[in-house]
Amino acid sequence: MLLLWVARTVLHHGLAPQATLDGVQPADLGLAAQTVHLPTAGGLSLFAWYLPASKAVAPIPTTAPAIVLLHGW
């Protein structure tokens, strides 16, 4: 059993893509974004960007929140 666990762990870490920020950043697109880290119940920290709506995009004030989640890289 230990051998199977070791093999699975080595394969998972060897094949899993590494998280990177080498791609397009919000600032590259003229967007004002804040970097945030969201804690999970399992003790992990998920990287995210917070982009508040501008008055040009949402001229009518609203109290309704909006969340967009995208998975993967």
C-alpha atoms as a PDB file:
ATOM      1  CA  MET A   1       0.000   0.000   0.000  1.00  0.00           C
ATOM      2  CA  LEU A   2       2.814   2.373   0.828  1.00  0.00           C
ATOM      3  CA  LEU A   3       4.387   1.755  -2.553  1.00  0.00           C
ATOM      4  CA  LEU A   4       1.112   2.602  -4.321  1.00  0.00           C
ATOM      5  CA  TRP A   5       0.764   5.811  -2.325  1.00  0.00           C
ATOM      6  CA  VAL A   6       4.349   6.841  -3.133  1.00  0.00           C
ATOM      7  CA  ALA A   7       3.857   6.056  -6.835  1.00  0.00           C
ATOM      8  CA  ARG A   8       0.604   8.047  -6.952  1.00  0.00           C
ATOM      9  CA  THR A   9       2.178  11.009  -5.143  1.00  0.00           C
ATOM     10  CA  VAL A  10       5.238  11.064  -7.404  1.00  0.00           C
ATOM     11  CA  LEU A  11       3.093  10.834 -10.544  1.00  0.00           C
ATOM     12  CA  HIS A  12       0.675  13.503  -9.346  1.00  0.00           C
ATOM     13  CA  HIS A  13       3.393  15.993  -8.485  1.00  0.00           C
ATOM     14  CA  GLY A  14       5.394  15.140 -11.580  1.00  0.00           C
ATOM     15  CA  LEU A  15       2.481  15.602 -13.985  1.00  0.00           C
ATOM     16  CA  ALA A  16       0.575  18.435 -12.318  1.00  0.00           C
ATOM     17  CA  PRO A  17       1.141  21.812 -14.006  1.00  0.00           C
ATOM     18  CA  GLN A  18       2.846  24.457 -11.918  1.00  0.00           C
ATOM     19  CA  ALA A  19       0.910  27.588 -11.061  1.00  0.00           C
ATOM     20  CA  THR A  20       2.428  30.600 -12.745  1.00  0.00           C
ATOM     21  CA  LEU A  21       1.744  34.280 -13.218  1.00  0.00           C
ATOM     22  CA  ASP A  22       3.662  34.500 -16.489  1.00  0.00           C
ATOM     23  CA  GLY A  23       0.503  35.144 -18.525  1.00  0.00           C
ATOM     24  CA  VAL A  24      -1.563  38.267 -19.013  1.00  0.00           C
ATOM     25  CA  GLN A  25      -2.099  40.288 -15.845  1.00  0.00           C
ATOM     26  CA  PRO A  26      -5.162  42.510 -15.208  1.00  0.00           C
ATOM     27  CA  ALA A  27      -2.959  45.630 -15.394  1.00  0.00           C
ATOM     28  CA  ASP A  28      -1.924  44.576 -18.918  1.00  0.00           C
ATOM     29  CA  LEU A  29      -5.582  45.000 -19.875  1.00  0.00           C
ATOM     30  CA  GLY A  30      -6.009  48.345 -18.115  1.00  0.00           C
ATOM     31  CA  LEU A  31      -7.870  46.801 -15.155  1.00  0.00           C
ATOM     32  CA  ALA A  32      -7.309  47.869 -11.568  1.00  0.00           C
ATOM     33  CA  ALA A  33      -6.993  44.659  -9.572  1.00  0.00           C
ATOM     34  CA  GLN A  34      -5.954  43.763  -6.076  1.00  0.00           C
ATOM     35  CA  THR A  35      -4.173  40.510  -5.296  1.00  0.00           C
ATOM     36  CA  VAL A  36      -5.996  38.503  -2.630  1.00  0.00           C
ATOM     37  CA  HIS A  37      -5.493  35.115  -1.033  1.00  0.00           C
ATOM     38  CA  LEU A  38      -8.607  33.142  -0.077  1.00  0.00           C
ATOM     39  CA  PRO A  39      -8.212  30.694   2.808  1.00  0.00           C
ATOM     40  CA  THR A  40      -9.801  27.269   2.411  1.00  0.00           C
ATOM     41  CA  ALA A  41     -11.284  24.977   5.037  1.00  0.00           C
ATOM     42  CA  GLY A  42      -8.377  22.594   4.383  1.00  0.00           C
ATOM     43  CA  GLY A  43      -5.794  25.213   5.325  1.00  0.00           C
ATOM     44  CA  LEU A  44      -4.724  26.116   1.781  1.00  0.00           C
ATOM     45  CA  SER A  45      -4.501  29.626   0.378  1.00  0.00           C
ATOM     46  CA  LEU A  46      -5.992  30.235  -3.073  1.00  0.00           C
ATOM     47  CA  PHE A  47      -4.588  33.101  -5.151  1.00  0.00           C
ATOM     48  CA  ALA A  48      -7.141  35.444  -6.731  1.00  0.00           C
ATOM     49  CA  TRP A  49      -7.613  38.911  -8.122  1.00  0.00           C
ATOM     50  CA  TYR A  50     -10.320  41.242  -6.861  1.00  0.00           C
ATOM     51  CA  LEU A  51     -11.583  43.620  -9.530  1.00  0.00           C
ATOM     52  CA  PRO A  52     -14.162  46.069  -8.198  1.00  0.00           C
ATOM     53  CA  ALA A  53     -16.733  47.322 -10.685  1.00  0.00           C
ATOM     54  CA  SER A  54     -16.052  50.829 -11.932  1.00  0.00           C
ATOM     55  CA  LYS A  55     -18.753  53.465 -12.169  1.00  0.00           C
ATOM     56  CA  ALA A  56     -18.381  53.364 -15.961  1.00  0.00           C
ATOM     57  CA  VAL A  57     -19.312  49.673 -15.931  1.00  0.00           C
ATOM     58  CA  ALA A  58     -21.985  49.875 -13.221  1.00  0.00           C
ATOM     59  CA  PRO A  59     -23.332  53.453 -13.142  1.00  0.00           C
ATOM     60  CA  ILE A  60     -26.312  52.416 -11.013  1.00  0.00           C
ATOM     61  CA  PRO A  61     -25.299  51.584  -7.423  1.00  0.00           C
ATOM     62  CA  THR A  62     -26.158  48.078  -6.378  1.00  0.00           C
ATOM     63  CA  THR A  63     -25.723  46.083  -3.213  1.00  0.00           C
ATOM     64  CA  ALA A  64     -25.930  42.714  -4.961  1.00  0.00           C
ATOM     65  CA  PRO A  65     -22.586  40.911  -4.948  1.00  0.00           C
ATOM     66  CA  ALA A  66     -21.226  39.102  -7.975  1.00  0.00           C
ATOM     67  CA  ILE A  67     -18.676  36.299  -7.935  1.00  0.00           C
ATOM     68  CA  VAL A  68     -16.919  34.786 -10.924  1.00  0.00           C
ATOM     69  CA  LEU A  69     -14.957  31.604 -10.373  1.00  0.00           C
ATOM     70  CA  LEU A  70     -12.595  30.135 -12.942  1.00  0.00           C
ATOM     71  CA  HIS A  71     -10.669  26.951 -12.361  1.00  0.00           C
ATOM     72  CA  GLY A  72      -7.399  25.932 -13.878  1.00  0.00           C
ATOM     73  CA  TRP A  73      -4.460  27.589 -15.520  1.00  0.00           C
END
